[in-house]
Amino acid sequence: MAFTAIASAVTAVTSYSSYRNQQRSQKKQLALQRQANADAKQRAKMAQDRADVEQNKANRKKADVAAIQQQEAAMGGGTMLTGTTGVDPNKLNLGGNTLLGG
Protein backbone atom coordinates (compact mmCIF):
# COMPACT_ATOMS: atom_id res chain seq x y z
CA MET A 1 0.00 0.00 0.00
CA ALA A 2 2.78 2.43 0.91
CA PHE A 3 4.59 1.48 -2.25
CA THR A 4 1.49 2.25 -4.32
CA ALA A 5 1.11 5.66 -2.66
CA ILE A 6 4.78 6.51 -3.26
CA ALA A 7 4.59 5.29 -6.84
CA SER A 8 1.47 7.35 -7.54
CA ALA A 9 3.06 10.42 -5.90
CA VAL A 10 6.19 10.01 -8.03
CA THR A 11 4.01 9.57 -11.12
CA ALA A 12 2.04 12.71 -10.25
CA VAL A 13 5.20 14.76 -9.71
CA THR A 14 6.71 13.44 -12.92
CA SER A 15 3.51 14.15 -14.84
CA TYR A 16 3.29 17.68 -13.44
CA SER A 17 6.95 18.32 -14.22
CA SER A 18 6.43 17.07 -17.75
CA TYR A 19 3.32 19.24 -18.08
CA ARG A 20 5.24 22.37 -16.88
CA ASN A 21 8.12 21.65 -19.24
CA GLN A 22 5.69 21.28 -22.12
CA GLN A 23 4.03 24.61 -21.21
CA ARG A 24 7.41 26.36 -21.07
CA SER A 25 8.36 24.86 -24.41
CA GLN A 26 5.07 26.00 -25.97
CA LYS A 27 5.50 29.54 -24.61
CA LYS A 28 9.05 29.67 -25.93
CA GLN A 29 7.95 28.41 -29.35
CA LEU A 30 5.09 30.91 -29.41
CA ALA A 31 7.47 33.77 -28.60
CA LEU A 32 9.85 32.61 -31.34
CA GLN A 33 6.95 32.40 -33.82
CA ARG A 34 5.79 35.92 -32.93
CA GLN A 35 9.31 37.25 -33.42
CA ALA A 36 9.61 35.44 -36.74
CA ASN A 37 6.28 36.93 -37.87
CA ALA A 38 7.38 40.42 -36.88
CA ASP A 39 10.69 39.98 -38.71
CA ALA A 40 8.90 38.69 -41.80
CA LYS A 41 6.53 41.67 -41.73
CA GLN A 42 9.43 44.08 -41.48
CA ARG A 43 11.28 42.37 -44.34
CA ALA A 44 8.13 42.44 -46.48
CA LYS A 45 7.64 46.16 -45.82
CA MET A 46 11.25 46.90 -46.67
CA ALA A 47 10.95 44.87 -49.89
CA GLN A 48 7.75 46.72 -50.82
CA ASP A 49 9.41 50.08 -50.15
CA ARG A 50 12.37 49.10 -52.33
CA ALA A 51 10.01 47.96 -55.08
CA ASP A 52 8.13 51.28 -54.89
CA VAL A 53 11.37 53.24 -55.17
CA GLU A 54 12.50 51.17 -58.15
CA GLN A 55 9.13 51.56 -59.85
CA ASN A 56 9.20 55.32 -59.29
CA LYS A 57 12.70 55.47 -60.77
CA ALA A 58 11.55 53.52 -63.80
CA ASN A 59 8.40 55.59 -64.32
CA ARG A 60 9.69 59.10 -63.82
CA LYS A 61 7.40 61.72 -65.22
CA LYS A 62 8.90 63.87 -67.93
CA ALA A 63 7.51 67.12 -69.19
CA ASP A 64 6.31 67.13 -72.80
CA VAL A 65 8.47 70.07 -73.80
CA ALA A 66 7.43 69.97 -77.45
CA ALA A 67 3.73 70.25 -76.57
CA ILE A 68 4.40 73.13 -74.17
CA GLN A 69 6.42 75.00 -76.78
CA GLN A 70 3.74 74.41 -79.40
CA GLN A 71 1.02 75.71 -77.05
CA GLU A 72 3.08 78.78 -76.18
CA ALA A 73 3.70 79.52 -79.85
CA ALA A 74 -0.04 79.30 -80.56
CA MET A 75 -0.86 81.67 -77.68
CA GLY A 76 1.75 84.24 -78.51
CA GLY A 77 4.54 83.05 -76.28
CA GLY A 78 3.84 85.21 -73.24
CA THR A 79 4.86 83.99 -69.81
CA MET A 80 2.64 86.36 -67.84
CA LEU A 81 -0.59 85.04 -66.34
CA THR A 82 -2.52 87.92 -67.91
CA GLY A 83 -1.19 87.28 -71.41
CA THR A 84 1.21 89.23 -73.57
CA THR A 85 -0.60 92.55 -73.19
CA GLY A 86 -0.60 92.58 -69.39
CA VAL A 87 -3.34 94.32 -67.39
CA ASP A 88 -5.29 97.30 -68.69
CA PRO A 89 -4.46 100.20 -66.32
CA ASN A 90 -8.01 101.57 -66.66
CA LYS A 91 -9.39 98.41 -65.05
CA LEU A 92 -7.25 99.09 -61.98
CA ASN A 93 -8.76 102.56 -61.41
CA LEU A 94 -11.16 102.48 -58.49
CA GLY A 95 -13.07 105.43 -59.80
CA GLY A 96 -11.92 108.14 -57.48
CA ASN A 97 -9.08 110.05 -56.01
CA THR A 98 -7.58 107.92 -53.28
CA LEU A 99 -4.61 108.19 -51.00
CA LEU A 100 -3.15 105.23 -52.82
CA GLY A 101 -2.27 107.42 -55.78
CA GLY A 102 -5.35 107.21 -57.98
PDB file of N, CA and C in Angstrom:
ATOM      1  N   MET A   1       0.819  -1.180   0.000  1.00  0.00           N
ATOM      2  CA  MET A   1       0.000   0.000   0.000  1.00  0.00           C
ATOM      3  C   MET A   1       0.872   1.256   0.000  1.00  0.00           C
ATOM      4  N   ALA A   2       1.888   1.277   0.844  1.00  0.00           N
ATOM      5  CA  ALA A   2       2.777   2.426   0.909  1.00  0.00           C
ATOM      6  C   ALA A   2       3.533   2.582  -0.395  1.00  0.00           C
ATOM      7  N   PHE A   3       3.875   1.427  -0.982  1.00  0.00           N
ATOM      8  CA  PHE A   3       4.589   1.475  -2.255  1.00  0.00           C
ATOM      9  C   PHE A   3       3.701   2.074  -3.348  1.00  0.00           C
ATOM     10  N   THR A   4       2.438   1.741  -3.345  1.00  0.00           N
ATOM     11  CA  THR A   4       1.493   2.253  -4.324  1.00  0.00           C
ATOM     12  C   THR A   4       1.330   3.768  -4.172  1.00  0.00           C
ATOM     13  N   ALA A   5       1.246   4.222  -2.911  1.00  0.00           N
ATOM     14  CA  ALA A   5       1.108   5.657  -2.655  1.00  0.00           C
ATOM     15  C   ALA A   5       2.344   6.409  -3.105  1.00  0.00           C
ATOM     16  N   ILE A   6       3.523   5.857  -2.851  1.00  0.00           N
ATOM     17  CA  ILE A   6       4.776   6.511  -3.260  1.00  0.00           C
ATOM     18  C   ILE A   6       4.886   6.508  -4.783  1.00  0.00           C
ATOM     19  N   ALA A   7       4.517   5.392  -5.381  1.00  0.00           N
ATOM     20  CA  ALA A   7       4.586   5.285  -6.844  1.00  0.00           C
ATOM     21  C   ALA A   7       3.634   6.269  -7.498  1.00  0.00           C
ATOM     22  N   SER A   8       2.425   6.405  -6.945  1.00  0.00           N
ATOM     23  CA  SER A   8       1.466   7.352  -7.536  1.00  0.00           C
ATOM     24  C   SER A   8       1.907   8.796  -7.297  1.00  0.00           C
ATOM     25  N   ALA A   9       2.548   9.063  -6.161  1.00  0.00           N
ATOM     26  CA  ALA A   9       3.057  10.419  -5.895  1.00  0.00           C
ATOM     27  C   ALA A   9       4.194  10.748  -6.858  1.00  0.00           C
ATOM     28  N   VAL A  10       5.082   9.799  -7.095  1.00  0.00           N
ATOM     29  CA  VAL A  10       6.191  10.009  -8.035  1.00  0.00           C
ATOM     30  C   VAL A  10       5.640  10.216  -9.443  1.00  0.00           C
ATOM     31  N   THR A  11       4.637   9.440  -9.797  1.00  0.00           N
ATOM     32  CA  THR A  11       4.015   9.573 -11.118  1.00  0.00           C
ATOM     33  C   THR A  11       3.363  10.946 -11.257  1.00  0.00           C
ATOM     34  N   ALA A  12       2.692  11.396 -10.210  1.00  0.00           N
ATOM     35  CA  ALA A  12       2.038  12.712 -10.248  1.00  0.00           C
ATOM     36  C   ALA A  12       3.074  13.825 -10.388  1.00  0.00           C
ATOM     37  N   VAL A  13       4.153  13.738  -9.626  1.00  0.00           N
ATOM     38  CA  VAL A  13       5.200  14.765  -9.709  1.00  0.00           C
ATOM     39  C   VAL A  13       5.845  14.750 -11.089  1.00  0.00           C
ATOM     40  N   THR A  14       6.103  13.563 -11.600  1.00  0.00           N
ATOM     41  CA  THR A  14       6.706  13.438 -12.923  1.00  0.00           C
ATOM     42  C   THR A  14       5.768  13.980 -13.995  1.00  0.00           C
ATOM     43  N   SER A  15       4.491  13.661 -13.866  1.00  0.00           N
ATOM     44  CA  SER A  15       3.510  14.155 -14.842  1.00  0.00           C
ATOM     45  C   SER A  15       3.414  15.672 -14.785  1.00  0.00           C
ATOM     46  N   TYR A  16       3.366  16.221 -13.585  1.00  0.00           N
ATOM     47  CA  TYR A  16       3.289  17.683 -13.442  1.00  0.00           C
ATOM     48  C   TYR A  16       4.544  18.349 -14.002  1.00  0.00           C
ATOM     49  N   SER A  17       5.681  17.771 -13.715  1.00  0.00           N
ATOM     50  CA  SER A  17       6.945  18.318 -14.219  1.00  0.00           C
ATOM     51  C   SER A  17       6.966  18.286 -15.743  1.00  0.00           C
ATOM     52  N   SER A  18       6.503  17.190 -16.298  1.00  0.00           N
ATOM     53  CA  SER A  18       6.435  17.067 -17.755  1.00  0.00           C
ATOM     54  C   SER A  18       5.468  18.102 -18.334  1.00  0.00           C
ATOM     55  N   TYR A  19       4.331  18.251 -17.655  1.00  0.00           N
ATOM     56  CA  TYR A  19       3.324  19.238 -18.083  1.00  0.00           C
ATOM     57  C   TYR A  19       3.908  20.651 -18.071  1.00  0.00           C
ATOM     58  N   ARG A  20       4.636  21.023 -16.998  1.00  0.00           N
ATOM     59  CA  ARG A  20       5.237  22.367 -16.881  1.00  0.00           C
ATOM     60  C   ARG A  20       6.304  22.574 -17.962  1.00  0.00           C
ATOM     61  N   ASN A  21       7.102  21.543 -18.200  1.00  0.00           N
ATOM     62  CA  ASN A  21       8.122  21.650 -19.240  1.00  0.00           C
ATOM     63  C   ASN A  21       7.490  21.839 -20.621  1.00  0.00           C
ATOM     64  N   GLN A  22       6.390  21.138 -20.839  1.00  0.00           N
ATOM     65  CA  GLN A  22       5.687  21.275 -22.116  1.00  0.00           C
ATOM     66  C   GLN A  22       5.113  22.687 -22.251  1.00  0.00           C
ATOM     67  N   GLN A  23       4.560  23.240 -21.179  1.00  0.00           N
ATOM     68  CA  GLN A  23       4.028  24.607 -21.212  1.00  0.00           C
ATOM     69  C   GLN A  23       5.134  25.611 -21.505  1.00  0.00           C
ATOM     70  N   ARG A  24       6.271  25.460 -20.840  1.00  0.00           N
ATOM     71  CA  ARG A  24       7.407  26.363 -21.072  1.00  0.00           C
ATOM     72  C   ARG A  24       7.862  26.281 -22.530  1.00  0.00           C
ATOM     73  N   SER A  25       7.931  25.064 -23.022  1.00  0.00           N
ATOM     74  CA  SER A  25       8.355  24.864 -24.406  1.00  0.00           C
ATOM     75  C   SER A  25       7.371  25.530 -25.377  1.00  0.00           C
ATOM     76  N   GLN A  26       6.077  25.376 -25.119  1.00  0.00           N
ATOM     77  CA  GLN A  26       5.068  25.995 -25.972  1.00  0.00           C
ATOM     78  C   GLN A  26       5.163  27.520 -25.924  1.00  0.00           C
ATOM     79  N   LYS A  27       5.370  28.083 -24.734  1.00  0.00           N
ATOM     80  CA  LYS A  27       5.504  29.539 -24.606  1.00  0.00           C
ATOM     81  C   LYS A  27       6.729  30.033 -25.357  1.00  0.00           C
ATOM     82  N   LYS A  28       7.820  29.290 -25.249  1.00  0.00           N
ATOM     83  CA  LYS A  28       9.047  29.669 -25.926  1.00  0.00           C
ATOM     84  C   LYS A  28       8.852  29.609 -27.445  1.00  0.00           C
ATOM     85  N   GLN A  29       8.200  28.540 -27.918  1.00  0.00           N
ATOM     86  CA  GLN A  29       7.950  28.406 -29.346  1.00  0.00           C
ATOM     87  C   GLN A  29       7.010  29.493 -29.844  1.00  0.00           C
ATOM     88  N   LEU A  30       6.022  29.845 -29.038  1.00  0.00           N
ATOM     89  CA  LEU A  30       5.089  30.907 -29.411  1.00  0.00           C
ATOM     90  C   LEU A  30       5.815  32.245 -29.506  1.00  0.00           C
ATOM     91  N   ALA A  31       6.696  32.514 -28.559  1.00  0.00           N
ATOM     92  CA  ALA A  31       7.467  33.766 -28.597  1.00  0.00           C
ATOM     93  C   ALA A  31       8.367  33.800 -29.830  1.00  0.00           C
ATOM     94  N   LEU A  32       9.000  32.673 -30.141  1.00  0.00           N
ATOM     95  CA  LEU A  32       9.846  32.611 -31.335  1.00  0.00           C
ATOM     96  C   LEU A  32       9.021  32.811 -32.601  1.00  0.00           C
ATOM     97  N   GLN A  33       7.826  32.237 -32.648  1.00  0.00           N
ATOM     98  CA  GLN A  33       6.954  32.403 -33.815  1.00  0.00           C
ATOM     99  C   GLN A  33       6.514  33.855 -33.970  1.00  0.00           C
ATOM    100  N   ARG A  34       6.181  34.499 -32.863  1.00  0.00           N
ATOM    101  CA  ARG A  34       5.786  35.915 -32.925  1.00  0.00           C
ATOM    102  C   ARG A  34       6.938  36.767 -33.439  1.00  0.00           C
ATOM    103  N   GLN A  35       8.148  36.496 -32.959  1.00  0.00           N
ATOM    104  CA  GLN A  35       9.313  37.251 -33.416  1.00  0.00           C
ATOM    105  C   GLN A  35       9.570  36.997 -34.896  1.00  0.00           C
ATOM    106  N   ALA A  36       9.418  35.760 -35.329  1.00  0.00           N
ATOM    107  CA  ALA A  36       9.615  35.436 -36.744  1.00  0.00           C
ATOM    108  C   ALA A  36       8.578  36.146 -37.608  1.00  0.00           C
ATOM    109  N   ASN A  37       7.333  36.213 -37.133  1.00  0.00           N
ATOM    110  CA  ASN A  37       6.280  36.926 -37.870  1.00  0.00           C
ATOM    111  C   ASN A  37       6.595  38.413 -37.962  1.00  0.00           C
ATOM    112  N   ALA A  38       7.042  39.000 -36.875  1.00  0.00           N
ATOM    113  CA  ALA A  38       7.383  40.424 -36.878  1.00  0.00           C
ATOM    114  C   ALA A  38       8.548  40.688 -37.826  1.00  0.00           C
ATOM    115  N   ASP A  39       9.549  39.819 -37.804  1.00  0.00           N
ATOM    116  CA  ASP A  39      10.686  39.979 -38.709  1.00  0.00           C
ATOM    117  C   ASP A  39      10.250  39.851 -40.165  1.00  0.00           C
ATOM    118  N   ALA A  40       9.388  38.885 -40.436  1.00  0.00           N
ATOM    119  CA  ALA A  40       8.897  38.694 -41.803  1.00  0.00           C
ATOM    120  C   ALA A  40       8.099  39.898 -42.268  1.00  0.00           C
ATOM    121  N   LYS A  41       7.290  40.464 -41.384  1.00  0.00           N
ATOM    122  CA  LYS A  41       6.526  41.669 -41.732  1.00  0.00           C
ATOM    123  C   LYS A  41       7.462  42.827 -42.066  1.00  0.00           C
ATOM    124  N   GLN A  42       8.478  42.988 -41.256  1.00  0.00           N
ATOM    125  CA  GLN A  42       9.431  44.077 -41.476  1.00  0.00           C
ATOM    126  C   GLN A  42      10.173  43.880 -42.791  1.00  0.00           C
ATOM    127  N   ARG A  43      10.597  42.640 -43.077  1.00  0.00           N
ATOM    128  CA  ARG A  43      11.285  42.370 -44.343  1.00  0.00           C
ATOM    129  C   ARG A  43      10.366  42.612 -45.527  1.00  0.00           C
ATOM    130  N   ALA A  44       9.095  42.229 -45.398  1.00  0.00           N
ATOM    131  CA  ALA A  44       8.134  42.438 -46.485  1.00  0.00           C
ATOM    132  C   ALA A  44       7.918  43.926 -46.732  1.00  0.00           C
ATOM    133  N   LYS A  45       7.826  44.717 -45.668  1.00  0.00           N
ATOM    134  CA  LYS A  45       7.636  46.158 -45.824  1.00  0.00           C
ATOM    135  C   LYS A  45       8.854  46.788 -46.482  1.00  0.00           C
ATOM    136  N   MET A  46      10.036  46.358 -46.067  1.00  0.00           N
ATOM    137  CA  MET A  46      11.251  46.897 -46.669  1.00  0.00           C
ATOM    138  C   MET A  46      11.328  46.526 -48.155  1.00  0.00           C
ATOM    139  N   ALA A  47      10.948  45.302 -48.486  1.00  0.00           N
ATOM    140  CA  ALA A  47      10.954  44.873 -49.887  1.00  0.00           C
ATOM    141  C   ALA A  47       9.940  45.672 -50.696  1.00  0.00           C
ATOM    142  N   GLN A  48       8.769  45.937 -50.126  1.00  0.00           N
ATOM    143  CA  GLN A  48       7.751  46.723 -50.816  1.00  0.00           C
ATOM    144  C   GLN A  48       8.236  48.156 -51.028  1.00  0.00           C
ATOM    145  N   ASP A  49       8.881  48.720 -50.018  1.00  0.00           N
ATOM    146  CA  ASP A  49       9.413  50.081 -50.147  1.00  0.00           C
ATOM    147  C   ASP A  49      10.471  50.143 -51.241  1.00  0.00           C
ATOM    148  N   ARG A  50      11.356  49.139 -51.277  1.00  0.00           N
ATOM    149  CA  ARG A  50      12.372  49.104 -52.328  1.00  0.00           C
ATOM    150  C   ARG A  50      11.734  48.977 -53.702  1.00  0.00           C
ATOM    151  N   ALA A  51      10.705  48.139 -53.801  1.00  0.00           N
ATOM    152  CA  ALA A  51      10.013  47.960 -55.078  1.00  0.00           C
ATOM    153  C   ALA A  51       9.349  49.262 -55.514  1.00  0.00           C
ATOM    154  N   ASP A  52       8.757  49.989 -54.567  1.00  0.00           N
ATOM    155  CA  ASP A  52       8.129  51.276 -54.894  1.00  0.00           C
ATOM    156  C   ASP A  52       9.159  52.274 -55.408  1.00  0.00           C
ATOM    157  N   VAL A  53      10.312  52.321 -54.744  1.00  0.00           N
ATOM    158  CA  VAL A  53      11.369  53.243 -55.168  1.00  0.00           C
ATOM    159  C   VAL A  53      11.843  52.884 -56.572  1.00  0.00           C
ATOM    160  N   GLU A  54      12.048  51.598 -56.820  1.00  0.00           N
ATOM    161  CA  GLU A  54      12.503  51.168 -58.147  1.00  0.00           C
ATOM    162  C   GLU A  54      11.463  51.466 -59.210  1.00  0.00           C
ATOM    163  N   GLN A  55      10.192  51.271 -58.889  1.00  0.00           N
ATOM    164  CA  GLN A  55       9.133  51.562 -59.854  1.00  0.00           C
ATOM    165  C   GLN A  55       9.063  53.065 -60.130  1.00  0.00           C
ATOM    166  N   ASN A  56       9.214  53.866 -59.096  1.00  0.00           N
ATOM    167  CA  ASN A  56       9.199  55.319 -59.294  1.00  0.00           C
ATOM    168  C   ASN A  56      10.382  55.764 -60.137  1.00  0.00           C
ATOM    169  N   LYS A  57      11.543  55.131 -59.942  1.00  0.00           N
ATOM    170  CA  LYS A  57      12.699  55.467 -60.768  1.00  0.00           C
ATOM    171  C   LYS A  57      12.441  55.114 -62.225  1.00  0.00           C
ATOM    172  N   ALA A  58      11.805  53.973 -62.438  1.00  0.00           N
ATOM    173  CA  ALA A  58      11.554  53.521 -63.804  1.00  0.00           C
ATOM    174  C   ALA A  58      10.476  54.345 -64.496  1.00  0.00           C
ATOM    175  N   ASN A  59       9.541  54.873 -63.742  1.00  0.00           N
ATOM    176  CA  ASN A  59       8.403  55.589 -64.323  1.00  0.00           C
ATOM    177  C   ASN A  59       8.433  57.076 -63.996  1.00  0.00           C
ATOM    178  N   ARG A  60       9.603  57.664 -64.097  1.00  0.00           N
ATOM    179  CA  ARG A  60       9.687  59.098 -63.820  1.00  0.00           C
ATOM    180  C   ARG A  60       8.866  59.875 -64.838  1.00  0.00           C
ATOM    181  N   LYS A  61       8.202  60.877 -64.345  1.00  0.00           N
ATOM    182  CA  LYS A  61       7.396  61.721 -65.217  1.00  0.00           C
ATOM    183  C   LYS A  61       8.305  62.749 -65.880  1.00  0.00           C
ATOM    184  N   LYS A  62       8.120  62.906 -67.173  1.00  0.00           N
ATOM    185  CA  LYS A  62       8.903  63.870 -67.929  1.00  0.00           C
ATOM    186  C   LYS A  62       7.945  64.845 -68.589  1.00  0.00           C
ATOM    187  N   ALA A  63       8.333  66.095 -68.578  1.00  0.00           N
ATOM    188  CA  ALA A  63       7.507  67.123 -69.194  1.00  0.00           C
ATOM    189  C   ALA A  63       7.543  66.958 -70.710  1.00  0.00           C
ATOM    190  N   ASP A  64       6.391  67.169 -71.341  1.00  0.00           N
ATOM    191  CA  ASP A  64       6.308  67.127 -72.798  1.00  0.00           C
ATOM    192  C   ASP A  64       6.668  68.515 -73.311  1.00  0.00           C
ATOM    193  N   VAL A  65       7.958  68.745 -73.455  1.00  0.00           N
ATOM    194  CA  VAL A  65       8.473  70.067 -73.800  1.00  0.00           C
ATOM    195  C   VAL A  65       7.957  70.513 -75.156  1.00  0.00           C
ATOM    196  N   ALA A  66       7.886  69.615 -76.110  1.00  0.00           N
ATOM    197  CA  ALA A  66       7.428  69.975 -77.455  1.00  0.00           C
ATOM    198  C   ALA A  66       5.990  70.475 -77.420  1.00  0.00           C
ATOM    199  N   ALA A  67       5.125  69.825 -76.660  1.00  0.00           N
ATOM    200  CA  ALA A  67       3.727  70.252 -76.567  1.00  0.00           C
ATOM    201  C   ALA A  67       3.615  71.611 -75.880  1.00  0.00           C
ATOM    202  N   ILE A  68       4.421  71.843 -74.859  1.00  0.00           N
ATOM    203  CA  ILE A  68       4.398  73.132 -74.167  1.00  0.00           C
ATOM    204  C   ILE A  68       4.853  74.238 -75.103  1.00  0.00           C
ATOM    205  N   GLN A  69       5.923  73.989 -75.837  1.00  0.00           N
ATOM    206  CA  GLN A  69       6.417  74.997 -76.776  1.00  0.00           C
ATOM    207  C   GLN A  69       5.406  75.276 -77.880  1.00  0.00           C
ATOM    208  N   GLN A  70       4.744  74.241 -78.351  1.00  0.00           N
ATOM    209  CA  GLN A  70       3.736  74.415 -79.396  1.00  0.00           C
ATOM    210  C   GLN A  70       2.562  75.236 -78.870  1.00  0.00           C
ATOM    211  N   GLN A  71       2.128  74.975 -77.656  1.00  0.00           N
ATOM    212  CA  GLN A  71       1.023  75.713 -77.054  1.00  0.00           C
ATOM    213  C   GLN A  71       1.409  77.174 -76.845  1.00  0.00           C
ATOM    214  N   GLU A  72       2.615  77.409 -76.384  1.00  0.00           N
ATOM    215  CA  GLU A  72       3.085  78.777 -76.178  1.00  0.00           C
ATOM    216  C   GLU A  72       3.167  79.530 -77.498  1.00  0.00           C
ATOM    217  N   ALA A  73       3.613  78.865 -78.542  1.00  0.00           N
ATOM    218  CA  ALA A  73       3.697  79.517 -79.853  1.00  0.00           C
ATOM    219  C   ALA A  73       2.313  79.881 -80.359  1.00  0.00           C
ATOM    220  N   ALA A  74       1.326  79.029 -80.102  1.00  0.00           N
ATOM    221  CA  ALA A  74      -0.037  79.302 -80.556  1.00  0.00           C
ATOM    222  C   ALA A  74      -0.666  80.446 -79.769  1.00  0.00           C
ATOM    223  N   MET A  75      -0.274  80.630 -78.520  1.00  0.00           N
ATOM    224  CA  MET A  75      -0.865  81.673 -77.678  1.00  0.00           C
ATOM    225  C   MET A  75      -0.080  82.978 -77.746  1.00  0.00           C
ATOM    226  N   GLY A  76       0.993  83.014 -78.416  1.00  0.00           N
ATOM    227  CA  GLY A  76       1.754  84.238 -78.506  1.00  0.00           C
ATOM    228  C   GLY A  76       3.032  84.210 -77.709  1.00  0.00           C
ATOM    229  N   GLY A  77       3.270  83.207 -76.955  1.00  0.00           N
ATOM    230  CA  GLY A  77       4.541  83.050 -76.279  1.00  0.00           C
ATOM    231  C   GLY A  77       4.722  83.847 -75.007  1.00  0.00           C
ATOM    232  N   GLY A  78       3.697  84.441 -74.464  1.00  0.00           N
ATOM    233  CA  GLY A  78       3.837  85.210 -73.237  1.00  0.00           C
ATOM    234  C   GLY A  78       3.967  84.307 -72.018  1.00  0.00           C
ATOM    235  N   THR A  79       4.722  84.763 -71.049  1.00  0.00           N
ATOM    236  CA  THR A  79       4.857  83.985 -69.814  1.00  0.00           C
ATOM    237  C   THR A  79       4.074  84.604 -68.665  1.00  0.00           C
ATOM    238  N   MET A  80       3.426  85.727 -68.899  1.00  0.00           N
ATOM    239  CA  MET A  80       2.636  86.359 -67.843  1.00  0.00           C
ATOM    240  C   MET A  80       1.276  85.683 -67.737  1.00  0.00           C
ATOM    241  N   LEU A  81       0.718  85.659 -66.542  1.00  0.00           N
ATOM    242  CA  LEU A  81      -0.586  85.039 -66.345  1.00  0.00           C
ATOM    243  C   LEU A  81      -1.692  85.811 -67.063  1.00  0.00           C
ATOM    244  N   THR A  82      -1.492  87.083 -67.284  1.00  0.00           N
ATOM    245  CA  THR A  82      -2.516  87.915 -67.907  1.00  0.00           C
ATOM    246  C   THR A  82      -2.351  87.983 -69.420  1.00  0.00           C
ATOM    247  N   GLY A  83      -1.390  87.272 -69.964  1.00  0.00           N
ATOM    248  CA  GLY A  83      -1.187  87.283 -71.410  1.00  0.00           C
ATOM    249  C   GLY A  83      -0.075  88.238 -71.788  1.00  0.00           C
ATOM    250  N   THR A  84       0.101  88.406 -73.092  1.00  0.00           N
ATOM    251  CA  THR A  84       1.208  89.226 -73.574  1.00  0.00           C
ATOM    252  C   THR A  84       0.956  90.722 -73.413  1.00  0.00           C
ATOM    253  N   THR A  85      -0.300  91.122 -73.299  1.00  0.00           N
ATOM    254  CA  THR A  85      -0.604  92.554 -73.192  1.00  0.00           C
ATOM    255  C   THR A  85      -0.589  93.058 -71.758  1.00  0.00           C
ATOM    256  N   GLY A  86      -0.596  92.150 -70.780  1.00  0.00           N
ATOM    257  CA  GLY A  86      -0.600  92.581 -69.386  1.00  0.00           C
ATOM    258  C   GLY A  86      -1.987  92.995 -68.936  1.00  0.00           C
ATOM    259  N   VAL A  87      -2.069  93.874 -67.944  1.00  0.00           N
ATOM    260  CA  VAL A  87      -3.342  94.317 -67.386  1.00  0.00           C
ATOM    261  C   VAL A  87      -3.616  95.731 -67.876  1.00  0.00           C
ATOM    262  N   ASP A  88      -4.869  95.962 -68.270  1.00  0.00           N
ATOM    263  CA  ASP A  88      -5.287  97.302 -68.693  1.00  0.00           C
ATOM    264  C   ASP A  88      -5.288  98.209 -67.465  1.00  0.00           C
ATOM    265  N   PRO A  89      -4.512  99.308 -67.487  1.00  0.00           N
ATOM    266  CA  PRO A  89      -4.459 100.200 -66.317  1.00  0.00           C
ATOM    267  C   PRO A  89      -5.801 100.828 -65.965  1.00  0.00           C
ATOM    268  N   ASN A  90      -6.695 100.981 -66.936  1.00  0.00           N
ATOM    269  CA  ASN A  90      -8.014 101.573 -66.657  1.00  0.00           C
ATOM    270  C   ASN A  90      -8.873 100.647 -65.798  1.00  0.00           C
ATOM    271  N   LYS A  91      -8.628  99.358 -65.876  1.00  0.00           N
ATOM    272  CA  LYS A  91      -9.389  98.410 -65.050  1.00  0.00           C
ATOM    273  C   LYS A  91      -8.939  98.452 -63.593  1.00  0.00           C
ATOM    274  N   LEU A  92      -7.760  98.993 -63.338  1.00  0.00           N
ATOM    275  CA  LEU A  92      -7.254  99.089 -61.978  1.00  0.00           C
ATOM    276  C   LEU A  92      -7.745 100.343 -61.258  1.00  0.00           C
ATOM    277  N   ASN A  93      -8.285 101.316 -61.996  1.00  0.00           N
ATOM    278  CA  ASN A  93      -8.762 102.564 -61.410  1.00  0.00           C
ATOM    279  C   ASN A  93     -10.022 102.287 -60.599  1.00  0.00           C
ATOM    280  N   LEU A  94     -10.023 102.717 -59.365  1.00  0.00           N
ATOM    281  CA  LEU A  94     -11.159 102.476 -58.488  1.00  0.00           C
ATOM    282  C   LEU A  94     -12.253 103.523 -58.648  1.00  0.00           C
ATOM    283  N   GLY A  95     -12.030 104.451 -59.506  1.00  0.00           N
ATOM    284  CA  GLY A  95     -13.068 105.426 -59.804  1.00  0.00           C
ATOM    285  C   GLY A  95     -13.014 106.682 -58.971  1.00  0.00           C
ATOM    286  N   GLY A  96     -11.972 106.937 -58.282  1.00  0.00           N
ATOM    287  CA  GLY A  96     -11.920 108.140 -57.476  1.00  0.00           C
ATOM    288  C   GLY A  96     -10.498 108.469 -57.087  1.00  0.00           C
ATOM    289  N   ASN A  97     -10.386 109.611 -56.461  1.00  0.00           N
ATOM    290  CA  ASN A  97      -9.078 110.045 -56.005  1.00  0.00           C
ATOM    291  C   ASN A  97      -8.849 109.413 -54.625  1.00  0.00           C
ATOM    292  N   THR A  98      -7.841 108.595 -54.532  1.00  0.00           N
ATOM    293  CA  THR A  98      -7.580 107.922 -53.280  1.00  0.00           C
ATOM    294  C   THR A  98      -6.203 108.268 -52.783  1.00  0.00           C
ATOM    295  N   LEU A  99      -5.931 107.961 -51.560  1.00  0.00           N
ATOM    296  CA  LEU A  99      -4.613 108.189 -50.997  1.00  0.00           C
ATOM    297  C   LEU A  99      -3.582 107.212 -51.547  1.00  0.00           C
ATOM    298  N   LEU A 100      -4.052 106.211 -52.252  1.00  0.00           N
ATOM    299  CA  LEU A 100      -3.154 105.229 -52.824  1.00  0.00           C
ATOM    300  C   LEU A 100      -2.541 105.712 -54.135  1.00  0.00           C
ATOM    301  N   GLY A 101      -2.879 106.867 -54.565  1.00  0.00           N
ATOM    302  CA  GLY A 101      -2.267 107.423 -55.781  1.00  0.00           C
ATOM    303  C   GLY A 101      -3.152 107.367 -56.994  1.00  0.00           C
ATOM    304  N   GLY A 102      -4.455 107.340 -56.823  1.00  0.00           N
ATOM    305  CA  GLY A 102      -5.351 107.209 -57.982  1.00  0.00           C
ATOM    306  C   GLY A 102      -5.816 108.536 -58.515  1.00  0.00           C
TER     307      GLY A 102
END
